Structure formats: structure tokens, C-alpha cells
C-alpha atoms as a PDB file:
ATOM      1  CA  MET A   1      39.766 123.778 -78.230  1.00  0.00           C
ATOM      2  CA  VAL A   2      40.714 127.114 -76.737  1.00  0.00           C
ATOM      3  CA  THR A   3      41.246 127.495 -73.026  1.00  0.00           C
ATOM      4  CA  ILE A   4      40.457 130.688 -71.233  1.00  0.00           C
ATOM      5  CA  SER A   5      41.524 131.813 -67.804  1.00  0.00           C
ATOM      6  CA  LYS A   6      38.978 132.281 -65.058  1.00  0.00           C
ATOM      7  CA  THR A   7      39.777 136.012 -64.978  1.00  0.00           C
ATOM      8  CA  ARG A   8      39.145 136.424 -68.700  1.00  0.00           C
ATOM      9  CA  LEU A   9      35.965 134.368 -68.488  1.00  0.00           C
ATOM     10  CA  GLN A  10      34.719 136.643 -65.692  1.00  0.00           C
ATOM     11  CA  ALA A  11      35.608 139.656 -67.842  1.00  0.00           C
ATOM     12  CA  LEU A  12      33.479 138.212 -70.665  1.00  0.00           C
ATOM     13  CA  VAL A  13      30.579 137.612 -68.304  1.00  0.00           C
ATOM     14  CA  THR A  14      30.883 141.179 -66.972  1.00  0.00           C
ATOM     15  CA  ALA A  15      31.096 142.595 -70.501  1.00  0.00           C
ATOM     16  CA  ALA A  16      28.012 140.634 -71.510  1.00  0.00           C
ATOM     17  CA  TRP A  17      26.063 142.022 -68.540  1.00  0.00           C
ATOM     18  CA  LEU A  18      27.228 145.568 -69.269  1.00  0.00           C
ATOM     19  CA  ASN A  19      26.106 145.145 -72.880  1.00  0.00           C
ATOM     20  CA  ARG A  20      22.756 143.745 -71.700  1.00  0.00           C
ATOM     21  CA  ALA A  21      22.258 146.697 -69.373  1.00  0.00           C
ATOM     22  CA  MET A  22      23.200 149.303 -71.991  1.00  0.00           C
ATOM     23  CA  ILE A  23      20.959 147.771 -74.664  1.00  0.00           C
ATOM     24  CA  ALA A  24      18.133 147.715 -72.108  1.00  0.00           C
ATOM     25  CA  VAL A  25      18.726 151.367 -71.164  1.00  0.00           C
ATOM     26  CA  VAL A  26      18.746 152.524 -74.799  1.00  0.00           C
ATOM     27  CA  TYR A  27      15.668 150.532 -75.813  1.00  0.00           C
ATOM     28  CA  ILE A  28      13.613 151.352 -72.719  1.00  0.00           C
ATOM     29  CA  TRP A  29      14.582 155.038 -72.795  1.00  0.00           C
ATOM     30  CA  PHE A  30      13.943 155.554 -76.515  1.00  0.00           C
ATOM     31  CA  GLY A  31      10.778 153.441 -76.400  1.00  0.00           C
ATOM     32  CA  PHE A  32       9.437 155.372 -73.434  1.00  0.00           C
ATOM     33  CA  LEU A  33      10.007 158.659 -75.286  1.00  0.00           C
ATOM     34  CA  LYS A  34       7.809 157.322 -78.092  1.00  0.00           C
ATOM     35  CA  VAL A  35       5.093 156.314 -75.608  1.00  0.00           C
ATOM     36  CA  LEU A  36       5.192 159.822 -74.110  1.00  0.00           C
ATOM     37  CA  GLY A  37       5.125 161.426 -77.567  1.00  0.00           C
ATOM     38  CA  THR A  38       8.413 163.251 -76.981  1.00  0.00           C
ATOM     39  CA  SER A  39      10.798 161.238 -79.168  1.00  0.00           C
ATOM     40  CA  PRO A  40      13.080 163.324 -81.391  1.00  0.00           C
ATOM     41  CA  ALA A  41      12.848 160.445 -83.905  1.00  0.00           C
ATOM     42  CA  GLU A  42       9.069 160.876 -84.248  1.00  0.00           C
ATOM     43  CA  GLY A  43       9.326 162.982 -87.411  1.00  0.00           C
ATOM     44  CA  LEU A  44      11.496 160.390 -89.158  1.00  0.00           C
ATOM     45  CA  VAL A  45       9.307 157.520 -87.963  1.00  0.00           C
ATOM     46  CA  THR A  46       6.228 159.383 -89.214  1.00  0.00           C
ATOM     47  CA  LYS A  47       7.754 159.960 -92.663  1.00  0.00           C
ATOM     48  CA  LEU A  48       8.615 156.271 -93.023  1.00  0.00           C
ATOM     49  CA  PHE A  49       5.202 155.286 -91.651  1.00  0.00           C
ATOM     50  CA  ASN A  50       3.471 157.472 -94.242  1.00  0.00           C
ATOM     51  CA  ILE A  51       5.064 155.572 -97.128  1.00  0.00           C
ATOM     52  CA  THR A  52       4.767 152.083 -95.633  1.00  0.00           C
ATOM     53  CA  LEU A  53       2.086 151.427 -93.007  1.00  0.00           C
ATOM     54  CA  GLU A  54      -0.322 154.362 -93.252  1.00  0.00           C
ATOM     55  CA  PRO A  55      -3.138 152.352 -94.905  1.00  0.00           C
ATOM     56  CA  PHE A  56      -3.147 149.881 -92.006  1.00  0.00           C
ATOM     57  CA  MET A  57      -3.331 152.046 -88.845  1.00  0.00           C
ATOM     58  CA  GLY A  58      -2.980 155.559 -87.473  1.00  0.00           C
ATOM     59  CA  ILE A  59       0.406 157.047 -86.621  1.00  0.00           C
ATOM     60  CA  GLN A  60      -0.423 157.584 -82.940  1.00  0.00           C
ATOM     61  CA  THR A  61      -1.386 153.928 -82.553  1.00  0.00           C
ATOM     62  CA  PHE A  62       1.784 152.883 -84.358  1.00  0.00           C
ATOM     63  CA  LEU A  63       4.016 155.096 -82.209  1.00  0.00           C
ATOM     64  CA  LEU A  64       2.460 153.656 -79.059  1.00  0.00           C
ATOM     65  CA  ILE A  65       2.946 150.073 -80.290  1.00  0.00           C
ATOM     66  CA  LEU A  66       6.511 150.855 -81.403  1.00  0.00           C
ATOM     67  CA  GLY A  67       7.366 152.485 -78.077  1.00  0.00           C
ATOM     68  CA  ILE A  68       5.944 149.628 -76.031  1.00  0.00           C
ATOM     69  CA  GLY A  69       7.711 147.157 -78.320  1.00  0.00           C
ATOM     70  CA  GLU A  70      11.045 148.912 -77.857  1.00  0.00           C
ATOM     71  CA  CYS A  71      10.577 148.913 -74.082  1.00  0.00           C
ATOM     72  CA  ALA A  72       9.789 145.185 -74.239  1.00  0.00           C
ATOM     73  CA  ILE A  73      12.936 144.495 -76.268  1.00  0.00           C
ATOM     74  CA  GLY A  74      14.955 146.328 -73.629  1.00  0.00           C
ATOM     75  CA  MET A  75      13.351 144.292 -70.850  1.00  0.00           C
ATOM     76  CA  LEU A  76      13.999 140.996 -72.670  1.00  0.00           C
ATOM     77  CA  TRP A  77      17.748 141.615 -72.574  1.00  0.00           C
ATOM     78  CA  LEU A  78      17.680 141.653 -68.769  1.00  0.00           C
ATOM     79  CA  PHE A  79      16.718 137.966 -68.632  1.00  0.00           C
ATOM     80  CA  PRO A  80      19.467 135.620 -69.856  1.00  0.00           C
ATOM     81  CA  ARG A  81      16.990 132.805 -70.559  1.00  0.00           C
ATOM     82  CA  LEU A  82      15.339 135.113 -73.096  1.00  0.00           C
ATOM     83  CA  THR A  83      18.570 135.972 -74.920  1.00  0.00           C
ATOM     84  CA  LYS A  84      17.696 134.121 -78.106  1.00  0.00           C
ATOM     85  CA  MET A  85      14.266 135.786 -78.315  1.00  0.00           C
ATOM     86  CA  ALA A  86      15.712 139.206 -77.448  1.00  0.00           C
ATOM     87  CA  PHE A  87      18.355 138.832 -80.141  1.00  0.00           C
ATOM     88  CA  TRP A  88      15.996 137.853 -82.970  1.00  0.00           C
ATOM     89  CA  VAL A  89      13.325 140.420 -82.079  1.00  0.00           C
ATOM     90  CA  MET A  90      16.030 143.080 -81.916  1.00  0.00           C
ATOM     91  CA  ILE A  91      17.427 141.966 -85.305  1.00  0.00           C
ATOM     92  CA  PHE A  92      13.975 142.462 -86.837  1.00  0.00           C
ATOM     93  CA  HIS A  93      13.648 145.878 -85.173  1.00  0.00           C
ATOM     94  CA  LEU A  94      17.125 146.954 -86.298  1.00  0.00           C
ATOM     95  CA  PHE A  95      16.321 145.890 -89.860  1.00  0.00           C
ATOM     96  CA  THR A  96      13.364 148.268 -89.799  1.00  0.00           C
ATOM     97  CA  THR A  97      15.506 151.084 -88.358  1.00  0.00           C
ATOM     98  CA  PHE A  98      17.715 150.928 -91.461  1.00  0.00           C
ATOM     99  CA  LEU A  99      14.768 151.399 -93.848  1.00  0.00           C
ATOM    100  CA  PRO A 100      14.987 155.225 -93.880  1.00  0.00           C
ATOM    101  CA  VAL A 101      18.493 154.941 -95.353  1.00  0.00           C
ATOM    102  CA  LEU A 102      16.859 153.290 -98.373  1.00  0.00           C
ATOM    103  CA  PHE A 103      13.449 154.980 -98.488  1.00  0.00           C
ATOM    104  CA  LEU A 104      14.116 158.461 -97.087  1.00  0.00           C
ATOM    105  CA  VAL A 105      17.301 159.280 -98.943  1.00  0.00           C
ATOM    106  CA  GLU A 106      16.786 163.054 -98.708  1.00  0.00           C
ATOM    107  CA  ASP A 107      16.703 162.789 -94.903  1.00  0.00           C
ATOM    108  CA  THR A 108      19.637 160.413 -94.474  1.00  0.00           C
ATOM    109  CA  TRP A 109      22.215 161.259 -97.155  1.00  0.00           C
ATOM    110  CA  GLN A 110      24.009 164.533 -97.976  1.00  0.00           C
ATOM    111  CA  SER A 111      25.915 163.048-100.908  1.00  0.00           C
ATOM    112  CA  PHE A 112      27.643 159.808-101.825  1.00  0.00           C
ATOM    113  CA  PHE A 113      29.031 158.237 -98.653  1.00  0.00           C
ATOM    114  CA  ALA A 114      28.161 161.341 -96.596  1.00  0.00           C
ATOM    115  CA  LEU A 115      25.332 160.788 -94.145  1.00  0.00           C
ATOM    116  CA  THR A 116      23.239 163.496 -92.552  1.00  0.00           C
ATOM    117  CA  LEU A 117      23.038 163.582 -88.760  1.00  0.00           C
ATOM    118  CA  THR A 118      19.857 161.505 -89.071  1.00  0.00           C
ATOM    119  CA  GLY A 119      21.674 158.977 -91.237  1.00  0.00           C
ATOM    120  CA  GLN A 120      24.500 158.773 -88.708  1.00  0.00           C
ATOM    121  CA  TYR A 121      21.931 158.237 -85.951  1.00  0.00           C
ATOM    122  CA  ILE A 122      20.616 155.259 -87.903  1.00  0.00           C
ATOM    123  CA  ILE A 123      23.968 153.757 -88.918  1.00  0.00           C
ATOM    124  CA  LYS A 124      25.250 153.813 -85.328  1.00  0.00           C
ATOM    125  CA  ASN A 125      22.790 150.983 -84.716  1.00  0.00           C
ATOM    126  CA  VAL A 126      25.496 148.640 -85.993  1.00  0.00           C
ATOM    127  CA  VAL A 127      27.059 149.131 -82.540  1.00  0.00           C
ATOM    128  CA  LEU A 128      23.853 147.847 -80.932  1.00  0.00           C
ATOM    129  CA  LEU A 129      23.917 144.944 -83.368  1.00  0.00           C
ATOM    130  CA  SER A 130      27.513 144.161 -82.427  1.00  0.00           C
ATOM    131  CA  ALA A 131      26.719 144.270 -78.698  1.00  0.00           C
ATOM    132  CA  ALA A 132      23.712 142.009 -79.215  1.00  0.00           C
ATOM    133  CA  TRP A 133      25.794 139.550 -81.238  1.00  0.00           C
ATOM    134  CA  PHE A 134      28.421 139.442 -78.477  1.00  0.00           C
ATOM    135  CA  ILE A 135      25.767 138.613 -75.890  1.00  0.00           C
ATOM    136  CA  TYR A 136      24.063 136.081 -78.149  1.00  0.00           C
ATOM    137  CA  VAL A 137      27.310 134.218 -78.797  1.00  0.00           C
ATOM    138  CA  PHE A 138      28.674 134.383 -75.242  1.00  0.00           C
ATOM    139  CA  HIS A 139      25.544 134.284 -73.109  1.00  0.00           C
ATOM    140  CA  GLU A 140      25.755 132.249 -69.920  1.00  0.00           C
ATOM    141  CA  GLU A 141      24.067 129.128 -71.279  1.00  0.00           C
ATOM    142  CA  ALA A 142      27.058 128.765 -73.628  1.00  0.00           C
ATOM    143  CA  TYR A 143      29.523 127.919 -70.861  1.00  0.00           C
END
């Protein structure tokens, strides 16, 4: 068993709340841009949509659902009791954000191991994943 000082425990709690807040800001902000139709990611989302979900619904409907969904994910992180749900919904969403790296190679890769700016935008989501994992493991119900 590892012991931890009260000061370090408070630092963990503070870090978890900062991570919660930043994940919420990113998800609500980027989701809201999709709802407004002003997201710079709309072109990439549309390209992926065209090769995956186009037979099932229209792009405008999808963008609205995606934007509202992203806003909801952001809101979930603000409620510690919903941490487990927020984590698993976000994992599913992040999985889908990596799909362009596999399916839209011309948009995400310059050459072997060299990502385009779009590819870098996608890969940086591992930081969101890391922040979410930290919260999931250390959320307040754990201590």
C-alpha cells in the first residue's frame, strides 16, 4: 500500500478537476462549432462521412448530432458521478476521431511517419485520452 500526503492528494484532486474542465471546454467548444456550422473540421468530417455513413443520413443531420454529442460529452465530465459514462463515451468518440488516419490517408499523411497538419490535429487526441484516463483512475469516488 502506498501512502500519499494530504498536500499531494489535494494536488491530484486539483489536477483531476483541471483536466475535467479542459476536456469540457474542448468538447463543448468544438461541438458547438459543429452545431453552428463553423467547424474547421467539417471538411474532414464530411469526407469520412461520405465513405462511411452517407447511406444512412444526411451530412447536416450528422453534423448536428455529432456537435450535440460532443457538447454532451463535455458536460458529462463536469459531474464526477458520471465519470465512468463520460470516459467510455469519450473513448468511443476518440476511436472514431482516429478513423481518418486509416481511411483518409491522403489527408492525414505526408509520407511514412510524417503527418499532415490534419493528421497532427487527430493524433493530439492521445492527450485528451491521457487526461481522461487520469480522471477515470483518480476520480473522487476512488478515495
